[in-house]
Amino acid sequence: MKRRGRQASTREAAKAEIDAFRAQHLSLAERQIMTADGVARVTIDDGESPLAWLARRKGRDGRSLISHHQFAAGERLRADFTRGNLTPRVTSHWGAPTGRGGGAGEMTDLVVASRQRVQHAVEACGPEFSGILLDVCCFLRGLEDVERERGWPARSAKVVLQLALDRLARHYGLAPPSGTARPKLRSWLAEGAEFVVG
């Protein structure tokens, strides 16, 4: 009995040591995320997400490369993408779906709702921006990889991503109000003539 107890405690110590060793190589942070049960506090690896890297990195003006609302919008898309089981599998799935809740029917509702939210977000951003949002936010691809695959000039993906995240934040209602009215266009054909597009 004592021997089994010692083996179990040795295994636990080794597991804790491995976790501590692994943790020193990760960029761990505490975050709050919205789940079906409400707000949950989780530990995440900020080094995993290109968005987290952009949010931490400062530009020449001293501000983050992406704003807080852009980061929140990208992470919200990623959360729905993950909850919707849209990430590709790299191994076989041998077990039944697990998770909190009543069962498979409830899990299916969560998956379907998450997929619908991803679809609405992609449609709201349009074909110009949806590709880079999915690549960077959901598939966690680096900006250099996106530029290389699409044949874009160096450092152009950052600008396109910022525009895409602004549109995504507007879709989610996370963007701060701009305070500007609808623009008026003036025609050069008639002096003083104004018309509003819309």
Protein backbone atom coordinates (compact mmCIF):
# COMPACT_ATOMS: atom_id res chain seq x y z
CA MET A 1 0.00 0.00 0.00
CA LYS A 2 2.77 2.43 0.93
CA ARG A 3 4.58 1.63 -2.30
CA ARG A 4 1.51 2.43 -4.43
CA GLY A 5 0.97 5.67 -2.53
CA ARG A 6 4.60 6.64 -3.10
CA GLN A 7 4.33 5.83 -6.82
CA ALA A 8 1.20 7.96 -7.14
CA SER A 9 2.83 10.89 -5.36
CA THR A 10 5.95 10.51 -7.54
CA ARG A 11 3.79 10.57 -10.67
CA GLU A 12 2.00 13.71 -9.43
CA ALA A 13 5.34 15.40 -8.68
CA ALA A 14 6.66 14.49 -12.13
CA LYS A 15 3.47 15.81 -13.73
CA ALA A 16 3.76 19.08 -11.81
CA GLU A 17 7.41 19.35 -12.82
CA ILE A 18 6.59 18.79 -16.50
CA ASP A 19 3.84 21.37 -16.32
CA ALA A 20 6.20 23.87 -14.68
CA PHE A 21 8.86 23.15 -17.30
CA ARG A 22 6.36 23.60 -20.11
CA ALA A 23 4.89 26.71 -18.51
CA GLN A 24 8.27 28.47 -18.47
CA HIS A 25 8.33 28.24 -22.28
CA LEU A 26 4.81 29.59 -22.73
CA SER A 27 3.40 33.08 -22.49
CA LEU A 28 0.57 32.29 -20.06
CA ALA A 29 -2.10 34.84 -19.17
CA GLU A 30 -5.45 34.83 -17.40
CA ARG A 31 -8.48 35.87 -19.47
CA GLN A 32 -12.24 35.96 -19.06
CA ILE A 33 -14.27 34.36 -21.84
CA MET A 34 -18.00 34.05 -22.45
CA THR A 35 -19.29 30.48 -22.38
CA ALA A 36 -22.76 28.98 -22.52
CA ASP A 37 -22.75 28.98 -18.71
CA GLY A 38 -21.59 32.61 -18.43
CA VAL A 39 -18.20 34.23 -17.93
CA ALA A 40 -15.36 31.82 -17.20
CA ARG A 41 -11.75 32.57 -16.19
CA VAL A 42 -9.21 30.61 -18.23
CA THR A 43 -5.44 30.42 -18.64
CA ILE A 44 -4.30 30.86 -22.24
CA ASP A 45 -1.02 30.93 -24.12
CA ASP A 46 -0.68 34.42 -25.61
CA GLY A 47 2.19 33.19 -27.78
CA GLU A 48 -0.23 30.94 -29.66
CA SER A 49 -2.29 33.78 -31.14
CA PRO A 50 -0.94 36.19 -33.76
CA LEU A 51 -3.54 38.69 -32.51
CA ALA A 52 -2.14 38.60 -28.98
CA TRP A 53 1.34 39.23 -30.40
CA LEU A 54 0.02 42.22 -32.38
CA ALA A 55 -1.84 43.56 -29.33
CA ARG A 56 1.37 43.42 -27.22
CA ARG A 57 3.64 44.90 -29.89
CA LYS A 58 3.97 48.68 -30.16
CA GLY A 59 4.22 50.68 -33.36
CA ARG A 60 6.40 53.72 -34.03
CA ASP A 61 3.79 55.95 -32.39
CA GLY A 62 3.96 53.90 -29.16
CA ARG A 63 0.46 52.45 -29.53
CA SER A 64 -0.39 48.77 -29.94
CA LEU A 65 -0.51 47.50 -33.51
CA ILE A 66 -4.13 46.51 -32.97
CA SER A 67 -6.56 48.14 -30.57
CA HIS A 68 -8.42 46.51 -27.71
CA HIS A 69 -11.69 46.35 -29.66
CA GLN A 70 -9.94 44.81 -32.68
CA PHE A 71 -8.33 42.18 -30.46
CA ALA A 72 -11.64 41.42 -28.71
CA ALA A 73 -13.43 41.02 -32.06
CA GLY A 74 -10.77 38.65 -33.41
CA GLU A 75 -10.78 36.55 -30.23
CA ARG A 76 -14.59 36.38 -30.31
CA LEU A 77 -14.49 35.04 -33.87
CA ARG A 78 -11.84 32.51 -32.82
CA ALA A 79 -13.94 31.37 -29.83
CA ASP A 80 -17.00 30.78 -32.02
CA PHE A 81 -14.85 29.00 -34.62
CA THR A 82 -13.44 26.70 -31.94
CA ARG A 83 -16.83 26.09 -30.26
CA GLY A 84 -18.32 25.29 -33.66
CA ASN A 85 -15.77 22.46 -34.10
CA LEU A 86 -14.57 24.06 -37.31
CA THR A 87 -10.89 23.48 -36.60
CA PRO A 88 -9.47 20.65 -38.69
CA ARG A 89 -8.74 17.38 -36.89
CA VAL A 90 -5.24 16.00 -37.03
CA THR A 91 -6.08 12.74 -35.25
CA SER A 92 -8.95 10.28 -35.20
CA HIS A 93 -11.97 10.99 -33.00
CA TRP A 94 -12.65 7.86 -30.96
CA GLY A 95 -14.89 9.18 -28.21
CA ALA A 96 -18.30 10.72 -27.88
CA PRO A 97 -18.57 14.49 -27.50
CA THR A 98 -17.84 15.64 -23.98
CA GLY A 99 -18.44 18.86 -22.13
CA ARG A 100 -20.63 20.51 -19.59
CA GLY A 101 -24.32 20.40 -20.07
CA GLY A 102 -27.13 17.97 -20.47
CA GLY A 103 -25.86 15.89 -23.36
CA ALA A 104 -25.31 15.57 -27.08
CA GLY A 105 -28.43 17.56 -28.03
CA GLU A 106 -27.28 20.53 -25.99
CA MET A 107 -23.77 20.26 -27.41
CA THR A 108 -25.20 20.18 -30.92
CA ASP A 109 -27.18 23.36 -30.28
CA LEU A 110 -24.02 25.08 -29.07
CA VAL A 111 -22.07 23.91 -32.12
CA VAL A 112 -24.80 24.99 -34.55
CA ALA A 113 -25.20 28.40 -32.90
CA SER A 114 -21.42 28.96 -32.97
CA ARG A 115 -21.23 28.02 -36.64
CA GLN A 116 -24.07 30.39 -37.44
CA ARG A 117 -22.30 33.24 -35.63
CA VAL A 118 -19.11 32.53 -37.62
CA GLN A 119 -21.11 32.50 -40.87
CA HIS A 120 -22.82 35.82 -40.04
CA ALA A 121 -19.48 37.41 -39.13
CA VAL A 122 -17.84 36.21 -42.35
CA GLU A 123 -20.76 37.49 -44.43
CA ALA A 124 -20.71 40.86 -42.63
CA CYS A 125 -16.99 41.29 -43.37
CA GLY A 126 -17.35 40.32 -47.02
CA PRO A 127 -15.07 38.31 -49.27
CA GLU A 128 -12.36 40.99 -49.18
CA PHE A 129 -11.71 40.55 -45.45
CA SER A 130 -13.09 37.16 -44.46
CA GLY A 131 -10.09 35.20 -45.77
CA ILE A 132 -7.48 37.05 -43.73
CA LEU A 133 -9.71 36.98 -40.63
CA LEU A 134 -10.08 33.21 -40.85
CA ASP A 135 -6.37 32.70 -41.58
CA VAL A 136 -5.05 34.86 -38.73
CA CYS A 137 -7.77 34.68 -36.06
CA CYS A 138 -8.96 31.09 -36.52
CA PHE A 139 -6.14 29.13 -38.15
CA LEU A 140 -3.48 31.18 -36.25
CA ARG A 141 -1.37 31.83 -39.32
CA GLY A 142 1.35 34.46 -39.22
CA LEU A 143 1.15 37.64 -41.28
CA GLU A 144 4.28 36.74 -43.26
CA ASP A 145 2.71 33.41 -44.30
CA VAL A 146 -0.47 35.18 -45.41
CA GLU A 147 1.53 37.68 -47.48
CA ARG A 148 3.63 34.97 -49.09
CA GLU A 149 0.67 32.76 -50.02
CA ARG A 150 -1.40 35.63 -51.41
CA GLY A 151 1.48 37.34 -53.18
CA TRP A 152 1.04 40.56 -51.18
CA PRO A 153 3.84 43.06 -50.58
CA ALA A 154 5.75 42.80 -47.31
CA ARG A 155 4.00 44.32 -44.26
CA SER A 156 0.73 44.80 -46.16
CA ALA A 157 -1.16 42.06 -44.31
CA LYS A 158 -1.01 44.10 -41.10
CA VAL A 159 -2.94 46.98 -42.71
CA VAL A 160 -5.50 44.67 -44.32
CA LEU A 161 -5.94 42.81 -41.02
CA GLN A 162 -6.51 46.07 -39.14
CA LEU A 163 -9.23 47.07 -41.62
CA ALA A 164 -10.79 43.60 -41.40
CA LEU A 165 -10.77 43.66 -37.60
CA ASP A 166 -12.43 47.10 -37.64
CA ARG A 167 -15.23 45.74 -39.79
CA LEU A 168 -15.55 42.65 -37.57
CA ALA A 169 -15.67 44.82 -34.43
CA ARG A 170 -18.41 46.92 -36.03
CA HIS A 171 -20.37 43.72 -36.77
CA TYR A 172 -20.08 42.61 -33.14
CA GLY A 173 -20.91 46.08 -31.83
CA LEU A 174 -17.49 46.41 -30.20
CA ALA A 175 -16.16 49.34 -32.22
CA PRO A 176 -16.18 52.71 -30.46
CA PRO A 177 -18.54 55.26 -32.01
CA SER A 178 -16.75 57.34 -34.59
CA GLY A 179 -18.87 60.44 -34.02
CA THR A 180 -18.87 61.36 -37.71
CA ALA A 181 -22.02 61.79 -39.75
CA ARG A 182 -22.60 60.20 -43.12
CA PRO A 183 -20.27 61.79 -45.67
CA LYS A 184 -21.65 64.25 -48.20
CA LEU A 185 -20.31 64.18 -51.74
CA ARG A 186 -20.11 67.34 -53.78
CA SER A 187 -20.51 67.23 -57.52
CA TRP A 188 -18.10 69.25 -59.66
CA LEU A 189 -20.78 69.49 -62.34
CA ALA A 190 -22.94 72.07 -60.57
CA GLU A 191 -21.67 74.77 -58.28
CA GLY A 192 -22.90 74.39 -54.71
CA ALA A 193 -24.87 71.20 -55.47
CA GLU A 194 -24.73 68.62 -52.72
CA PHE A 195 -26.13 65.15 -52.55
CA VAL A 196 -25.99 62.43 -49.96
CA VAL A 197 -25.10 58.89 -50.95
CA GLY A 198 -27.26 56.33 -49.30
